[in-house]
Amino acid sequence: MTDRLREIIRQEKERGTKVLLVEGALLASSPYVEQTLFDGILWLEADRSVRRERLRSDGREDQIERTLPPPEEERVIRIDAAGPVAQTVTEVQKTIESL
């Protein structure tokens, strides 16, 4: 997986891409992904009750019990995602712009 990510990053740099987002909850905690490929790792956090309600409203109740501990990396930037989605989006955008 790291080789493929490295190739995508190279291609996007050649195209002039300024910001490349790689989405994947498991990427941040996977021992198979080289964390140094990323300028930052955004980790969205919300209380269990908030996560439960969001998953339920999205029809993904089967994932309520699934949790991952945040990775212990210096690149991890924790974002409070317990508020309204629009607020979380704004916080994520501001964080990306600061990288």
PDB file of N, CA and C in Angstrom:
ATOM      1  N   MET A   1       0.809  -1.185   0.000  1.00  0.00           N
ATOM      2  CA  MET A   1       0.000   0.000   0.000  1.00  0.00           C
ATOM      3  C   MET A   1       0.862   1.263   0.000  1.00  0.00           C
ATOM      4  N   THR A   2       1.957   1.252   0.733  1.00  0.00           N
ATOM      5  CA  THR A   2       2.827   2.427   0.789  1.00  0.00           C
ATOM      6  C   THR A   2       3.389   2.772  -0.584  1.00  0.00           C
ATOM      7  N   ASP A   3       3.768   1.772  -1.344  1.00  0.00           N
ATOM      8  CA  ASP A   3       4.298   2.044  -2.687  1.00  0.00           C
ATOM      9  C   ASP A   3       3.242   2.704  -3.567  1.00  0.00           C
ATOM     10  N   ARG A   4       2.016   2.237  -3.481  1.00  0.00           N
ATOM     11  CA  ARG A   4       0.939   2.832  -4.280  1.00  0.00           C
ATOM     12  C   ARG A   4       0.672   4.275  -3.855  1.00  0.00           C
ATOM     13  N   LEU A   5       0.637   4.534  -2.553  1.00  0.00           N
ATOM     14  CA  LEU A   5       0.457   5.909  -2.066  1.00  0.00           C
ATOM     15  C   LEU A   5       1.602   6.812  -2.522  1.00  0.00           C
ATOM     16  N   ARG A   6       2.801   6.294  -2.440  1.00  0.00           N
ATOM     17  CA  ARG A   6       3.974   7.072  -2.878  1.00  0.00           C
ATOM     18  C   ARG A   6       3.844   7.449  -4.359  1.00  0.00           C
ATOM     19  N   GLU A   7       3.368   6.528  -5.170  1.00  0.00           N
ATOM     20  CA  GLU A   7       3.189   6.775  -6.595  1.00  0.00           C
ATOM     21  C   GLU A   7       2.094   7.814  -6.842  1.00  0.00           C
ATOM     22  N   ILE A   8       0.988   7.705  -6.126  1.00  0.00           N
ATOM     23  CA  ILE A   8      -0.090   8.681  -6.270  1.00  0.00           C
ATOM     24  C   ILE A   8       0.400  10.067  -5.875  1.00  0.00           C
ATOM     25  N   ILE A   9       1.122  10.164  -4.795  1.00  0.00           N
ATOM     26  CA  ILE A   9       1.657  11.453  -4.343  1.00  0.00           C
ATOM     27  C   ILE A   9       2.583  12.042  -5.400  1.00  0.00           C
ATOM     28  N   ARG A  10       3.442  11.220  -5.960  1.00  0.00           N
ATOM     29  CA  ARG A  10       4.365  11.687  -7.005  1.00  0.00           C
ATOM     30  C   ARG A  10       3.590  12.226  -8.208  1.00  0.00           C
ATOM     31  N   GLN A  11       2.592  11.466  -8.649  1.00  0.00           N
ATOM     32  CA  GLN A  11       1.788  11.883  -9.804  1.00  0.00           C
ATOM     33  C   GLN A  11       1.069  13.203  -9.536  1.00  0.00           C
ATOM     34  N   GLU A  12       0.518  13.335  -8.357  1.00  0.00           N
ATOM     35  CA  GLU A  12      -0.224  14.549  -8.025  1.00  0.00           C
ATOM     36  C   GLU A  12       0.708  15.763  -7.914  1.00  0.00           C
ATOM     37  N   LYS A  13       1.907  15.562  -7.406  1.00  0.00           N
ATOM     38  CA  LYS A  13       2.878  16.662  -7.366  1.00  0.00           C
ATOM     39  C   LYS A  13       3.216  17.116  -8.778  1.00  0.00           C
ATOM     40  N   GLU A  14       3.394  16.163  -9.679  1.00  0.00           N
ATOM     41  CA  GLU A  14       3.682  16.490 -11.075  1.00  0.00           C
ATOM     42  C   GLU A  14       2.533  17.267 -11.712  1.00  0.00           C
ATOM     43  N   ARG A  15       1.310  16.979 -11.305  1.00  0.00           N
ATOM     44  CA  ARG A  15       0.139  17.674 -11.849  1.00  0.00           C
ATOM     45  C   ARG A  15      -0.047  19.054 -11.216  1.00  0.00           C
ATOM     46  N   GLY A  16       0.709  19.342 -10.166  1.00  0.00           N
ATOM     47  CA  GLY A  16       0.591  20.630  -9.501  1.00  0.00           C
ATOM     48  C   GLY A  16      -0.417  20.662  -8.369  1.00  0.00           C
ATOM     49  N   THR A  17      -0.857  19.512  -7.927  1.00  0.00           N
ATOM     50  CA  THR A  17      -1.809  19.443  -6.829  1.00  0.00           C
ATOM     51  C   THR A  17      -1.176  20.003  -5.568  1.00  0.00           C
ATOM     52  N   LYS A  18      -1.863  20.937  -4.926  1.00  0.00           N
ATOM     53  CA  LYS A  18      -1.334  21.573  -3.721  1.00  0.00           C
ATOM     54  C   LYS A  18      -1.751  20.837  -2.452  1.00  0.00           C
ATOM     55  N   VAL A  19      -2.972  20.282  -2.459  1.00  0.00           N
ATOM     56  CA  VAL A  19      -3.473  19.551  -1.294  1.00  0.00           C
ATOM     57  C   VAL A  19      -4.022  18.219  -1.779  1.00  0.00           C
ATOM     58  N   LEU A  20      -3.531  17.152  -1.191  1.00  0.00           N
ATOM     59  CA  LEU A  20      -4.006  15.812  -1.517  1.00  0.00           C
ATOM     60  C   LEU A  20      -4.504  15.174  -0.228  1.00  0.00           C
ATOM     61  N   LEU A  21      -5.774  14.871  -0.195  1.00  0.00           N
ATOM     62  CA  LEU A  21      -6.366  14.234   0.978  1.00  0.00           C
ATOM     63  C   LEU A  21      -6.466  12.736   0.733  1.00  0.00           C
ATOM     64  N   VAL A  22      -6.041  11.977   1.706  1.00  0.00           N
ATOM     65  CA  VAL A  22      -6.147  10.524   1.650  1.00  0.00           C
ATOM     66  C   VAL A  22      -7.062  10.132   2.801  1.00  0.00           C
ATOM     67  N   GLU A  23      -8.261   9.654   2.479  1.00  0.00           N
ATOM     68  CA  GLU A  23      -9.237   9.310   3.501  1.00  0.00           C
ATOM     69  C   GLU A  23      -9.130   7.839   3.835  1.00  0.00           C
ATOM     70  N   GLY A  24      -9.156   7.548   5.113  1.00  0.00           N
ATOM     71  CA  GLY A  24      -9.156   6.159   5.528  1.00  0.00           C
ATOM     72  C   GLY A  24      -8.815   6.033   6.994  1.00  0.00           C
ATOM     73  N   ALA A  25      -9.775   5.659   7.793  1.00  0.00           N
ATOM     74  CA  ALA A  25      -9.555   5.543   9.235  1.00  0.00           C
ATOM     75  C   ALA A  25      -8.439   4.549   9.555  1.00  0.00           C
ATOM     76  N   LEU A  26      -8.351   3.508   8.783  1.00  0.00           N
ATOM     77  CA  LEU A  26      -7.344   2.493   9.076  1.00  0.00           C
ATOM     78  C   LEU A  26      -5.935   2.899   8.633  1.00  0.00           C
ATOM     79  N   LEU A  27      -5.837   3.857   7.736  1.00  0.00           N
ATOM     80  CA  LEU A  27      -4.514   4.296   7.291  1.00  0.00           C
ATOM     81  C   LEU A  27      -3.685   4.842   8.442  1.00  0.00           C
ATOM     82  N   ALA A  28      -4.329   5.597   9.308  1.00  0.00           N
ATOM     83  CA  ALA A  28      -3.604   6.247  10.396  1.00  0.00           C
ATOM     84  C   ALA A  28      -3.051   5.265  11.420  1.00  0.00           C
ATOM     85  N   SER A  29      -3.677   4.110  11.540  1.00  0.00           N
ATOM     86  CA  SER A  29      -3.213   3.154  12.542  1.00  0.00           C
ATOM     87  C   SER A  29      -2.610   1.895  11.936  1.00  0.00           C
ATOM     88  N   SER A  30      -2.458   1.868  10.631  1.00  0.00           N
ATOM     89  CA  SER A  30      -1.927   0.678   9.968  1.00  0.00           C
ATOM     90  C   SER A  30      -0.405   0.622  10.057  1.00  0.00           C
ATOM     91  N   PRO A  31       0.133  -0.520  10.445  1.00  0.00           N
ATOM     92  CA  PRO A  31       1.589  -0.667  10.460  1.00  0.00           C
ATOM     93  C   PRO A  31       2.166  -0.829   9.047  1.00  0.00           C
ATOM     94  N   TYR A  32       1.281  -0.946   8.059  1.00  0.00           N
ATOM     95  CA  TYR A  32       1.713  -1.168   6.680  1.00  0.00           C
ATOM     96  C   TYR A  32       1.797   0.111   5.862  1.00  0.00           C
ATOM     97  N   VAL A  33       1.468   1.248   6.474  1.00  0.00           N
ATOM     98  CA  VAL A  33       1.501   2.525   5.774  1.00  0.00           C
ATOM     99  C   VAL A  33       2.565   3.402   6.414  1.00  0.00           C
ATOM    100  N   GLU A  34       3.448   3.925   5.593  1.00  0.00           N
ATOM    101  CA  GLU A  34       4.517   4.789   6.074  1.00  0.00           C
ATOM    102  C   GLU A  34       3.938   6.164   6.434  1.00  0.00           C
ATOM    103  N   GLN A  35       3.870   6.452   7.723  1.00  0.00           N
ATOM    104  CA  GLN A  35       3.250   7.686   8.197  1.00  0.00           C
ATOM    105  C   GLN A  35       3.980   8.947   7.735  1.00  0.00           C
ATOM    106  N   THR A  36       5.246   8.835   7.413  1.00  0.00           N
ATOM    107  CA  THR A  36       6.008  10.010   6.979  1.00  0.00           C
ATOM    108  C   THR A  36       5.583  10.503   5.595  1.00  0.00           C
ATOM    109  N   LEU A  37       4.736   9.765   4.914  1.00  0.00           N
ATOM    110  CA  LEU A  37       4.213  10.223   3.629  1.00  0.00           C
ATOM    111  C   LEU A  37       3.263  11.404   3.799  1.00  0.00           C
ATOM    112  N   PHE A  38       2.747  11.590   5.007  1.00  0.00           N
ATOM    113  CA  PHE A  38       1.718  12.586   5.254  1.00  0.00           C
ATOM    114  C   PHE A  38       2.272  13.776   6.021  1.00  0.00           C
ATOM    115  N   ASP A  39       1.836  14.977   5.628  1.00  0.00           N
ATOM    116  CA  ASP A  39       2.193  16.183   6.380  1.00  0.00           C
ATOM    117  C   ASP A  39       1.429  16.240   7.693  1.00  0.00           C
ATOM    118  N   GLY A  40       0.262  15.649   7.719  1.00  0.00           N
ATOM    119  CA  GLY A  40      -0.552  15.611   8.923  1.00  0.00           C
ATOM    120  C   GLY A  40      -1.582  14.514   8.816  1.00  0.00           C
ATOM    121  N   ILE A  41      -2.019  14.035   9.961  1.00  0.00           N
ATOM    122  CA  ILE A  41      -3.059  13.027  10.026  1.00  0.00           C
ATOM    123  C   ILE A  41      -4.175  13.622  10.868  1.00  0.00           C
ATOM    124  N   LEU A  42      -5.323  13.847  10.255  1.00  0.00           N
ATOM    125  CA  LEU A  42      -6.449  14.421  10.971  1.00  0.00           C
ATOM    126  C   LEU A  42      -7.246  13.290  11.615  1.00  0.00           C
ATOM    127  N   TRP A  43      -7.474  13.415  12.900  1.00  0.00           N
ATOM    128  CA  TRP A  43      -8.200  12.396  13.637  1.00  0.00           C
ATOM    129  C   TRP A  43      -9.439  13.049  14.235  1.00  0.00           C
ATOM    130  N   LEU A  44     -10.612  12.708  13.692  1.00  0.00           N
ATOM    131  CA  LEU A  44     -11.857  13.298  14.160  1.00  0.00           C
ATOM    132  C   LEU A  44     -12.386  12.495  15.341  1.00  0.00           C
ATOM    133  N   GLU A  45     -12.690  13.223  16.416  1.00  0.00           N
ATOM    134  CA  GLU A  45     -13.165  12.573  17.634  1.00  0.00           C
ATOM    135  C   GLU A  45     -14.551  13.081  18.008  1.00  0.00           C
ATOM    136  N   ALA A  46     -15.385  12.171  18.491  1.00  0.00           N
ATOM    137  CA  ALA A  46     -16.710  12.525  19.000  1.00  0.00           C
ATOM    138  C   ALA A  46     -17.079  11.492  20.059  1.00  0.00           C
ATOM    139  N   ASP A  47     -17.890  11.919  20.999  1.00  0.00           N
ATOM    140  CA  ASP A  47     -18.353  11.009  22.038  1.00  0.00           C
ATOM    141  C   ASP A  47     -19.068   9.811  21.416  1.00  0.00           C
ATOM    142  N   ARG A  48     -19.068   8.737  22.146  1.00  0.00           N
ATOM    143  CA  ARG A  48     -19.723   7.502  21.682  1.00  0.00           C
ATOM    144  C   ARG A  48     -21.188   7.746  21.322  1.00  0.00           C
ATOM    145  N   SER A  49     -21.888   8.541  22.117  1.00  0.00           N
ATOM    146  CA  SER A  49     -23.308   8.794  21.845  1.00  0.00           C
ATOM    147  C   SER A  49     -23.498   9.548  20.530  1.00  0.00           C
ATOM    148  N   VAL A  50     -22.605  10.473  20.218  1.00  0.00           N
ATOM    149  CA  VAL A  50     -22.670  11.215  18.954  1.00  0.00           C
ATOM    150  C   VAL A  50     -22.397  10.270  17.789  1.00  0.00           C
ATOM    151  N   ARG A  51     -21.364   9.465  17.933  1.00  0.00           N
ATOM    152  CA  ARG A  51     -21.043   8.500  16.872  1.00  0.00           C
ATOM    153  C   ARG A  51     -22.208   7.537  16.652  1.00  0.00           C
ATOM    154  N   ARG A  52     -22.781   7.059  17.754  1.00  0.00           N
ATOM    155  CA  ARG A  52     -23.903   6.112  17.660  1.00  0.00           C
ATOM    156  C   ARG A  52     -25.060   6.734  16.876  1.00  0.00           C
ATOM    157  N   GLU A  53     -25.435   7.955  17.217  1.00  0.00           N
ATOM    158  CA  GLU A  53     -26.559   8.608  16.548  1.00  0.00           C
ATOM    159  C   GLU A  53     -26.265   8.832  15.068  1.00  0.00           C
ATOM    160  N   ARG A  54     -25.060   9.253  14.745  1.00  0.00           N
ATOM    161  CA  ARG A  54     -24.701   9.485  13.339  1.00  0.00           C
ATOM    162  C   ARG A  54     -24.704   8.198  12.540  1.00  0.00           C
ATOM    163  N   LEU A  55     -24.159   7.146  13.113  1.00  0.00           N
ATOM    164  CA  LEU A  55     -24.165   5.860  12.416  1.00  0.00           C
ATOM    165  C   LEU A  55     -25.585   5.329  12.252  1.00  0.00           C
ATOM    166  N   ARG A  56     -26.394   5.491  13.284  1.00  0.00           N
ATOM    167  CA  ARG A  56     -27.787   5.030  13.217  1.00  0.00           C
ATOM    168  C   ARG A  56     -28.536   5.786  12.123  1.00  0.00           C
ATOM    169  N   SER A  57     -28.365   7.102  12.065  1.00  0.00           N
ATOM    170  CA  SER A  57     -29.086   7.889  11.059  1.00  0.00           C
ATOM    171  C   SER A  57     -28.574   7.623   9.649  1.00  0.00           C
ATOM    172  N   ASP A  58     -27.357   7.082   9.549  1.00  0.00           N
ATOM    173  CA  ASP A  58     -26.773   6.767   8.249  1.00  0.00           C
ATOM    174  C   ASP A  58     -27.014   5.297   7.857  1.00  0.00           C
ATOM    175  N   GLY A  59     -27.732   4.565   8.709  1.00  0.00           N
ATOM    176  CA  GLY A  59     -28.029   3.170   8.404  1.00  0.00           C
ATOM    177  C   GLY A  59     -26.854   2.236   8.604  1.00  0.00           C
ATOM    178  N   ARG A  60     -25.911   2.646   9.425  1.00  0.00           N
ATOM    179  CA  ARG A  60     -24.719   1.813   9.650  1.00  0.00           C
ATOM    180  C   ARG A  60     -24.622   1.389  11.117  1.00  0.00           C
ATOM    181  N   GLU A  61     -25.729   0.987  11.683  1.00  0.00           N
ATOM    182  CA  GLU A  61     -25.778   0.600  13.089  1.00  0.00           C
ATOM    183  C   GLU A  61     -24.816  -0.542  13.416  1.00  0.00           C
ATOM    184  N   ASP A  62     -24.525  -1.365  12.444  1.00  0.00           N
ATOM    185  CA  ASP A  62     -23.627  -2.494  12.671  1.00  0.00           C
ATOM    186  C   ASP A  62     -22.206  -2.058  12.991  1.00  0.00           C
ATOM    187  N   GLN A  63     -21.881  -0.800  12.772  1.00  0.00           N
ATOM    188  CA  GLN A  63     -20.526  -0.310  13.031  1.00  0.00           C
ATOM    189  C   GLN A  63     -20.406   0.461  14.346  1.00  0.00           C
ATOM    190  N   ILE A  64     -21.474   0.489  15.134  1.00  0.00           N
ATOM    191  CA  ILE A  64     -21.477   1.260  16.378  1.00  0.00           C
ATOM    192  C   ILE A  64     -20.380   0.785  17.332  1.00  0.00           C
ATOM    193  N   GLU A  65     -20.163  -0.487  17.422  1.00  0.00           N
ATOM    194  CA  GLU A  65     -19.175  -1.017  18.374  1.00  0.00           C
ATOM    195  C   GLU A  65     -17.738  -0.914  17.868  1.00  0.00           C
ATOM    196  N   ARG A  66     -17.589  -0.612  16.609  1.00  0.00           N
ATOM    197  CA  ARG A  66     -16.240  -0.543  16.020  1.00  0.00           C
ATOM    198  C   ARG A  66     -15.555   0.763  16.433  1.00  0.00           C
ATOM    199  N   THR A  67     -14.458   0.659  17.135  1.00  0.00           N
ATOM    200  CA  THR A  67     -13.705   1.847  17.526  1.00  0.00           C
ATOM    201  C   THR A  67     -12.220   1.586  17.319  1.00  0.00           C
ATOM    202  N   LEU A  68     -11.509   2.642  17.076  1.00  0.00           N
ATOM    203  CA  LEU A  68     -10.071   2.563  16.916  1.00  0.00           C
ATOM    204  C   LEU A  68      -9.420   3.567  17.854  1.00  0.00           C
ATOM    205  N   PRO A  69      -8.332   3.177  18.490  1.00  0.00           N
ATOM    206  CA  PRO A  69      -7.621   4.173  19.289  1.00  0.00           C
ATOM    207  C   PRO A  69      -6.870   5.118  18.351  1.00  0.00           C
ATOM    208  N   PRO A  70      -6.740   6.379  18.730  1.00  0.00           N
ATOM    209  CA  PRO A  70      -5.981   7.290  17.869  1.00  0.00           C
ATOM    210  C   PRO A  70      -4.527   6.855  17.797  1.00  0.00           C
ATOM    211  N   PRO A  71      -3.901   7.024  16.664  1.00  0.00           N
ATOM    212  CA  PRO A  71      -2.494   6.646  16.538  1.00  0.00           C
ATOM    213  C   PRO A  71      -1.628   7.551  17.398  1.00  0.00           C
ATOM    214  N   GLU A  72      -0.554   7.016  17.888  1.00  0.00           N
ATOM    215  CA  GLU A  72       0.382   7.786  18.711  1.00  0.00           C
ATOM    216  C   GLU A  72       1.493   8.328  17.824  1.00  0.00           C
ATOM    217  N   GLU A  73       1.140   9.232  16.982  1.00  0.00           N
ATOM    218  CA  GLU A  73       2.072   9.846  16.033  1.00  0.00           C
ATOM    219  C   GLU A  73       2.110  11.338  16.286  1.00  0.00           C
ATOM    220  N   GLU A  74       3.261  11.941  16.103  1.00  0.00           N
ATOM    221  CA  GLU A  74       3.341  13.390  16.284  1.00  0.00           C
ATOM    222  C   GLU A  74       2.584  14.135  15.194  1.00  0.00           C
ATOM    223  N   ARG A  75       2.343  13.507  14.066  1.00  0.00           N
ATOM    224  CA  ARG A  75       1.619  14.146  12.966  1.00  0.00           C
ATOM    225  C   ARG A  75       0.107  14.168  13.178  1.00  0.00           C
ATOM    226  N   VAL A  76      -0.381  13.494  14.207  1.00  0.00           N
ATOM    227  CA  VAL A  76      -1.819  13.398  14.441  1.00  0.00           C
ATOM    228  C   VAL A  76      -2.342  14.720  14.997  1.00  0.00           C
ATOM    229  N   ILE A  77      -3.356  15.236  14.328  1.00  0.00           N
ATOM    230  CA  ILE A  77      -4.024  16.464  14.747  1.00  0.00           C
ATOM    231  C   ILE A  77      -5.457  16.068  15.106  1.00  0.00           C
ATOM    232  N   ARG A  78      -5.780  16.171  16.367  1.00  0.00           N
ATOM    233  CA  ARG A  78      -7.109  15.779  16.835  1.00  0.00           C
ATOM    234  C   ARG A  78      -8.096  16.915  16.611  1.00  0.00           C
ATOM    235  N   ILE A  79      -9.252  16.572  16.085  1.00  0.00           N
ATOM    236  CA  ILE A  79     -10.300  17.553  15.810  1.00  0.00           C
ATOM    237  C   ILE A  79     -11.574  17.097  16.507  1.00  0.00           C
ATOM    238  N   ASP A  80     -12.154  18.011  17.273  1.00  0.00           N
ATOM    239  CA  ASP A  80     -13.425  17.725  17.951  1.00  0.00           C
ATOM    240  C   ASP A  80     -14.539  17.727  16.908  1.00  0.00           C
ATOM    241  N   ALA A  81     -15.124  16.571  16.686  1.00  0.00           N
ATOM    242  CA  ALA A  81     -16.169  16.435  15.672  1.00  0.00           C
ATOM    243  C   ALA A  81     -17.533  16.191  16.306  1.00  0.00           C
ATOM    244  N   ALA A  82     -17.694  16.552  17.574  1.00  0.00           N
ATOM    245  CA  ALA A  82     -18.951  16.297  18.270  1.00  0.00           C
ATOM    246  C   ALA A  82     -20.040  17.305  17.929  1.00  0.00           C
ATOM    247  N   GLY A  83     -19.650  18.473  17.421  1.00  0.00           N
ATOM    248  CA  GLY A  83     -20.628  19.503  17.089  1.00  0.00           C
ATOM    249  C   GLY A  83     -21.302  19.229  15.760  1.00  0.00           C
ATOM    250  N   PRO A  84     -22.001  20.235  15.258  1.00  0.00           N
ATOM    251  CA  PRO A  84     -22.646  20.085  13.951  1.00  0.00           C
ATOM    252  C   PRO A  84     -21.629  19.767  12.854  1.00  0.00           C
ATOM    253  N   VAL A  85     -22.067  19.035  11.861  1.00  0.00           N
ATOM    254  CA  VAL A  85     -21.174  18.619  10.780  1.00  0.00           C
ATOM    255  C   VAL A  85     -20.539  19.835  10.103  1.00  0.00           C
ATOM    256  N   ALA A  86     -21.320  20.894   9.891  1.00  0.00           N
ATOM    257  CA  ALA A  86     -20.792  22.101   9.242  1.00  0.00           C
ATOM    258  C   ALA A  86     -19.636  22.696  10.042  1.00  0.00           C
ATOM    259  N   GLN A  87     -19.731  22.647  11.352  1.00  0.00           N
ATOM    260  CA  GLN A  87     -18.662  23.150  12.213  1.00  0.00           C
ATOM    261  C   GLN A  87     -17.404  22.289  12.068  1.00  0.00           C
ATOM    262  N   THR A  88     -17.600  20.994  12.000  1.00  0.00           N
ATOM    263  CA  THR A  88     -16.470  20.077  11.823  1.00  0.00           C
ATOM    264  C   THR A  88     -15.798  20.311  10.473  1.00  0.00           C
ATOM    265  N   VAL A  89     -16.601  20.504   9.438  1.00  0.00           N
ATOM    266  CA  VAL A  89     -16.059  20.775   8.103  1.00  0.00           C
ATOM    267  C   VAL A  89     -15.194  22.031   8.137  1.00  0.00           C
ATOM    268  N   THR A  90     -15.688  23.078   8.783  1.00  0.00           N
ATOM    269  CA  THR A  90     -14.925  24.331   8.884  1.00  0.00           C
ATOM    270  C   THR A  90     -13.613  24.104   9.614  1.00  0.00           C
ATOM    271  N   GLU A  91     -13.653  23.343  10.694  1.00  0.00           N
ATOM    272  CA  GLU A  91     -12.433  23.066  11.470  1.00  0.00           C
ATOM    273  C   GLU A  91     -11.431  22.255  10.649  1.00  0.00           C
ATOM    274  N   VAL A  92     -11.929  21.280   9.905  1.00  0.00           N
ATOM    275  CA  VAL A  92     -11.048  20.479   9.049  1.00  0.00           C
ATOM    276  C   VAL A  92     -10.413  21.367   7.975  1.00  0.00           C
ATOM    277  N   GLN A  93     -11.201  22.223   7.350  1.00  0.00           N
ATOM    278  CA  GLN A  93     -10.662  23.116   6.314  1.00  0.00           C
ATOM    279  C   GLN A  93      -9.591  24.042   6.884  1.00  0.00           C
ATOM    280  N   LYS A  94      -9.845  24.613   8.049  1.00  0.00           N
ATOM    281  CA  LYS A  94      -8.853  25.491   8.664  1.00  0.00           C
ATOM    282  C   LYS A  94      -7.567  24.736   8.997  1.00  0.00           C
ATOM    283  N   THR A  95      -7.719  23.522   9.457  1.00  0.00           N
ATOM    284  CA  THR A  95      -6.551  22.708   9.806  1.00  0.00           C
ATOM    285  C   THR A  95      -5.742  22.379   8.561  1.00  0.00           C
ATOM    286  N   ILE A  96      -6.407  22.002   7.491  1.00  0.00           N
ATOM    287  CA  ILE A  96      -5.707  21.694   6.241  1.00  0.00           C
ATOM    288  C   ILE A  96      -4.965  22.915   5.736  1.00  0.00           C
ATOM    289  N   GLU A  97      -5.603  24.066   5.780  1.00  0.00           N
ATOM    290  CA  GLU A  97      -4.951  25.296   5.312  1.00  0.00           C
ATOM    291  C   GLU A  97      -3.726  25.651   6.148  1.00  0.00           C
ATOM    292  N   SER A  98      -3.692  25.233   7.398  1.00  0.00           N
ATOM    293  CA  SER A  98      -2.567  25.561   8.271  1.00  0.00           C
ATOM    294  C   SER A  98      -1.369  24.629   8.072  1.00  0.00           C
ATOM    295  N   LEU A  99      -1.555  23.535   7.362  1.00  0.00           N
ATOM    296  CA  LEU A  99      -0.457  22.578   7.174  1.00  0.00           C
ATOM    297  C   LEU A  99       0.563  23.063   6.171  1.00  0.00           C
TER     298      LEU A  99
END
